C-alpha atoms as a PDB file:
ATOM      1  CA  MET A   1      67.149 141.181  83.534  1.00  0.00           C
ATOM      2  CA  LEU A   2      65.215 143.948  85.354  1.00  0.00           C
ATOM      3  CA  ARG A   3      65.205 147.591  84.269  1.00  0.00           C
ATOM      4  CA  TRP A   4      66.276 150.400  86.662  1.00  0.00           C
ATOM      5  CA  TYR A   5      65.663 154.060  86.342  1.00  0.00           C
ATOM      6  CA  ASP A   6      69.236 154.621  85.133  1.00  0.00           C
ATOM      7  CA  GLY A   7      70.020 151.437  83.359  1.00  0.00           C
ATOM      8  CA  ALA A   8      69.758 147.552  83.651  1.00  0.00           C
ATOM      9  CA  VAL A   9      69.905 145.600  86.905  1.00  0.00           C
ATOM     10  CA  TYR A  10      70.622 142.106  87.259  1.00  0.00           C
ATOM     11  CA  ARG A  11      69.799 139.229  89.939  1.00  0.00           C
ATOM     12  CA  ILE A  12      72.953 137.264  90.949  1.00  0.00           C
ATOM     13  CA  GLY A  13      72.335 134.355  88.488  1.00  0.00           C
ATOM     14  CA  GLU A  14      71.918 136.815  85.557  1.00  0.00           C
ATOM     15  CA  LEU A  15      75.209 138.747  86.580  1.00  0.00           C
ATOM     16  CA  ALA A  16      77.019 135.444  86.973  1.00  0.00           C
ATOM     17  CA  GLU A  17      75.921 134.210  83.604  1.00  0.00           C
ATOM     18  CA  ILE A  18      76.788 137.357  81.808  1.00  0.00           C
ATOM     19  CA  ALA A  19      80.184 137.743  83.441  1.00  0.00           C
ATOM     20  CA  MET A  20      80.934 133.923  83.374  1.00  0.00           C
ATOM     21  CA  VAL A  21      81.713 133.437  86.983  1.00  0.00           C
ATOM     22  CA  SER A  22      79.779 131.544  89.663  1.00  0.00           C
ATOM     23  CA  LYS A  23      77.124 132.961  91.910  1.00  0.00           C
ATOM     24  CA  ARG A  24      79.361 131.896  94.885  1.00  0.00           C
ATOM     25  CA  THR A  25      82.173 134.187  93.433  1.00  0.00           C
ATOM     26  CA  ILE A  26      79.741 137.072  93.306  1.00  0.00           C
ATOM     27  CA  ASP A  27      78.608 136.375  96.786  1.00  0.00           C
ATOM     28  CA  TYR A  28      82.008 136.352  98.035  1.00  0.00           C
ATOM     29  CA  TYR A  29      83.016 139.601  96.278  1.00  0.00           C
ATOM     30  CA  THR A  30      79.876 141.205  97.717  1.00  0.00           C
ATOM     31  CA  SER A  31      80.673 139.975 101.216  1.00  0.00           C
ATOM     32  CA  ILE A  32      84.218 141.581 101.159  1.00  0.00           C
ATOM     33  CA  GLY A  33      83.015 144.797  99.680  1.00  0.00           C
ATOM     34  CA  LEU A  34      84.401 144.465  96.062  1.00  0.00           C
ATOM     35  CA  LEU A  35      80.764 144.353  94.652  1.00  0.00           C
ATOM     36  CA  LYS A  36      77.858 146.516  95.603  1.00  0.00           C
ATOM     37  CA  ALA A  37      74.325 144.984  95.858  1.00  0.00           C
ATOM     38  CA  GLU A  38      70.919 146.901  96.431  1.00  0.00           C
ATOM     39  CA  ARG A  39      67.852 145.011  97.591  1.00  0.00           C
ATOM     40  CA  SER A  40      64.851 144.876  95.620  1.00  0.00           C
ATOM     41  CA  LYS A  41      61.252 145.073  97.228  1.00  0.00           C
ATOM     42  CA  SER A  42      61.106 141.312  97.309  1.00  0.00           C
ATOM     43  CA  ASN A  43      64.466 141.204  99.083  1.00  0.00           C
ATOM     44  CA  TYR A  44      66.570 140.041  96.088  1.00  0.00           C
ATOM     45  CA  ARG A  45      70.108 141.353  95.653  1.00  0.00           C
ATOM     46  CA  ILE A  46      70.225 143.229  92.420  1.00  0.00           C
ATOM     47  CA  TYR A  47      73.440 144.552  90.793  1.00  0.00           C
ATOM     48  CA  SER A  48      73.733 147.479  88.399  1.00  0.00           C
ATOM     49  CA  ASP A  49      75.517 147.828  85.153  1.00  0.00           C
ATOM     50  CA  GLU A  50      78.359 149.360  87.267  1.00  0.00           C
ATOM     51  CA  SER A  51      78.615 146.263  89.352  1.00  0.00           C
ATOM     52  CA  LEU A  52      78.993 144.393  85.934  1.00  0.00           C
ATOM     53  CA  GLU A  53      81.804 146.554  84.776  1.00  0.00           C
ATOM     54  CA  ASP A  54      83.412 146.216  88.241  1.00  0.00           C
ATOM     55  CA  LEU A  55      83.034 142.300  88.073  1.00  0.00           C
ATOM     56  CA  LYS A  56      84.671 142.310  84.730  1.00  0.00           C
ATOM     57  CA  PHE A  57      87.499 144.421  85.999  1.00  0.00           C
ATOM     58  CA  ILE A  58      87.901 142.178  89.081  1.00  0.00           C
ATOM     59  CA  GLU A  59      88.250 139.122  86.956  1.00  0.00           C
ATOM     60  CA  GLU A  60      90.688 140.792  84.541  1.00  0.00           C
ATOM     61  CA  CYS A  61      92.860 141.757  87.540  1.00  0.00           C
ATOM     62  CA  LYS A  62      92.694 138.279  88.986  1.00  0.00           C
ATOM     63  CA  SER A  63      93.977 136.885  85.548  1.00  0.00           C
ATOM     64  CA  LEU A  64      96.907 139.190  86.052  1.00  0.00           C
ATOM     65  CA  HIS A  65      97.510 137.574  89.472  1.00  0.00           C
ATOM     66  CA  PHE A  66      96.672 140.700  91.595  1.00  0.00           C
ATOM     67  CA  PRO A  67      95.723 139.933  95.202  1.00  0.00           C
ATOM     68  CA  LEU A  68      92.219 140.950  96.143  1.00  0.00           C
ATOM     69  CA  ASP A  69      93.205 143.955  98.553  1.00  0.00           C
ATOM     70  CA  GLU A  70      95.181 145.255  95.598  1.00  0.00           C
ATOM     71  CA  ILE A  71      92.039 144.962  93.296  1.00  0.00           C
ATOM     72  CA  LYS A  72      89.904 146.617  95.893  1.00  0.00           C
ATOM     73  CA  ARG A  73      92.365 149.393  96.115  1.00  0.00           C
ATOM     74  CA  LYS A  74      92.242 149.762  92.226  1.00  0.00           C
ATOM     75  CA  LEU A  75      88.612 149.646  92.161  1.00  0.00           C
ATOM     76  CA  GLU A  76      88.419 152.647  94.714  1.00  0.00           C
ATOM     77  CA  MET A  77      91.039 154.457  92.562  1.00  0.00           C
ATOM     78  CA  ARG A  78      88.883 154.043  89.461  1.00  0.00           C
ATOM     79  CA  LYS A  79      85.848 155.535  91.308  1.00  0.00           C
ATOM     80  CA  GLU A  80      87.536 158.404  93.074  1.00  0.00           C
ATOM     81  CA  LYS A  81      87.030 161.861  91.652  1.00  0.00           C
ATOM     82  CA  ASN A  82      90.065 163.440  93.486  1.00  0.00           C
ATOM     83  CA  ILE A  83      93.018 160.742  93.101  1.00  0.00           C
ATOM     84  CA  ARG A  84      95.947 161.644  95.268  1.00  0.00           C
ATOM     85  CA  GLU A  85      99.269 162.026  93.529  1.00  0.00           C
ATOM     86  CA  SER A  86     100.979 159.361  95.792  1.00  0.00           C
ATOM     87  CA  GLU A  87      98.203 156.869  94.761  1.00  0.00           C
ATOM     88  CA  VAL A  88      99.034 157.327  91.135  1.00  0.00           C
ATOM     89  CA  GLU A  89     102.710 157.095  91.715  1.00  0.00           C
ATOM     90  CA  LYS A  90     102.033 153.770  93.500  1.00  0.00           C
ATOM     91  CA  HIS A  91      99.913 152.509  90.738  1.00  0.00           C
ATOM     92  CA  VAL A  92     102.487 153.493  87.987  1.00  0.00           C
ATOM     93  CA  SER A  93     105.111 151.682  90.076  1.00  0.00           C
ATOM     94  CA  SER A  94     102.930 148.692  90.295  1.00  0.00           C
ATOM     95  CA  VAL A  95     102.229 148.560  86.523  1.00  0.00           C
ATOM     96  CA  THR A  96     106.032 149.164  85.886  1.00  0.00           C
ATOM     97  CA  GLN A  97     107.019 146.173  88.001  1.00  0.00           C
ATOM     98  CA  LEU A  98     104.370 144.037  86.180  1.00  0.00           C
ATOM     99  CA  MET A  99     105.679 145.102  82.773  1.00  0.00           C
ATOM    100  CA  LYS A 100     109.300 144.246  83.835  1.00  0.00           C
ATOM    101  CA  GLN A 101     108.051 140.838  84.907  1.00  0.00           C
ATOM    102  CA  LEU A 102     106.143 140.281  81.644  1.00  0.00           C
ATOM    103  CA  ASN A 103     109.199 141.341  79.629  1.00  0.00           C
ATOM    104  CA  SER A 104     111.442 138.975  81.570  1.00  0.00           C
ATOM    105  CA  ASP A 105     108.897 136.174  81.032  1.00  0.00           C
ATOM    106  CA  LEU A 106     108.810 136.896  77.316  1.00  0.00           C
ATOM    107  CA  PHE A 107     112.562 136.747  77.223  1.00  0.00           C
ATOM    108  CA  ASP A 108     112.259 133.269  78.758  1.00  0.00           C
ATOM    109  CA  LEU A 109     109.887 132.302  75.950  1.00  0.00           C
ATOM    110  CA  ILE A 110     112.266 133.031  73.124  1.00  0.00           C
ATOM    111  CA  PRO A 111     114.145 129.706  73.366  1.00  0.00           C
ATOM    112  CA  ILE A 112     110.842 127.801  73.598  1.00  0.00           C
ATOM    113  CA  LEU A 113     109.395 129.724  70.671  1.00  0.00           C
ATOM    114  CA  GLU A 114     112.426 128.803  68.496  1.00  0.00           C
ATOM    115  CA  LYS A 115     111.600 124.933  69.050  1.00  0.00           C
ATOM    116  CA  LEU A 116     108.065 125.361  67.591  1.00  0.00           C
ATOM    117  CA  ASP A 117     107.147 124.713  63.947  1.00  0.00           C
ATOM    118  CA  ASP A 118     106.725 127.769  61.785  1.00  0.00           C
ATOM    119  CA  GLU A 119     102.859 127.652  61.939  1.00  0.00           C
ATOM    120  CA  GLN A 120     102.797 127.678  65.779  1.00  0.00           C
ATOM    121  CA  LYS A 121     105.655 130.217  66.010  1.00  0.00           C
ATOM    122  CA  LYS A 122     103.814 132.579  63.572  1.00  0.00           C
ATOM    123  CA  LYS A 123     100.483 132.382  65.472  1.00  0.00           C
ATOM    124  CA  LEU A 124     102.094 133.018  68.824  1.00  0.00           C
ATOM    125  CA  THR A 125     104.285 135.860  67.654  1.00  0.00           C
ATOM    126  CA  ASN A 126     101.341 137.561  65.864  1.00  0.00           C
ATOM    127  CA  ASN A 127      99.376 137.251  69.203  1.00  0.00           C
ATOM    128  CA  LEU A 128     102.217 138.831  71.080  1.00  0.00           C
ATOM    129  CA  SER A 129     102.685 141.684  68.433  1.00  0.00           C
ATOM    130  CA  MET A 130      99.064 142.554  68.624  1.00  0.00           C
ATOM    131  CA  LEU A 131      99.139 142.800  72.555  1.00  0.00           C
ATOM    132  CA  ARG A 132     102.391 144.791  72.336  1.00  0.00           C
ATOM    133  CA  THR A 133     100.956 147.233  69.823  1.00  0.00           C
ATOM    134  CA  ALA A 134      97.758 147.611  71.949  1.00  0.00           C
ATOM    135  CA  LEU A 135     100.029 148.197  75.027  1.00  0.00           C
ATOM    136  CA  VAL A 136     101.989 150.905  73.211  1.00  0.00           C
ATOM    137  CA  LYS A 137      98.930 152.649  72.053  1.00  0.00           C
ATOM    138  CA  SER A 138      97.434 152.609  75.605  1.00  0.00           C
ATOM    139  CA  LEU A 139     100.736 154.024  77.093  1.00  0.00           C
ATOM    140  CA  LEU A 140     100.685 156.720  74.248  1.00  0.00           C
ATOM    141  CA  ASN A 141      97.131 157.784  75.201  1.00  0.00           C
ATOM    142  CA  VAL A 142      98.031 158.041  78.966  1.00  0.00           C
ATOM    143  CA  THR A 143     101.173 160.012  78.435  1.00  0.00           C
ATOM    144  CA  SER A 144      99.678 162.519  75.765  1.00  0.00           C
END
């Protein structure tokens, strides 16, 4: 890891290792504009702490099955100083749809959960409860 004047910088291999993705993935994200790289004096691509945070965000969005163009829009929205109200409304609508889908998926899981033994059922329901609590806290922070 190199040190930059305002934080750490990483070569592509270091960034890939820290974020647990392939160098090829980082190359691709850089080529389509999701990640930004600077060039060192020796012409290596170097990535900032901000790039690392962006990469983590991208991977989180991918795990939620967002398409790359939507992820790019979300990244831009995170960085924008003056977000348009229509963009916020569109984002809230997207999150609402996702929550409805997740609620439906959870409802579909109930009969399956009922078939599990008590130990498995307890483990899974505890995980769901913790996630539900975290979501409610996040929503309360947004609305207050």
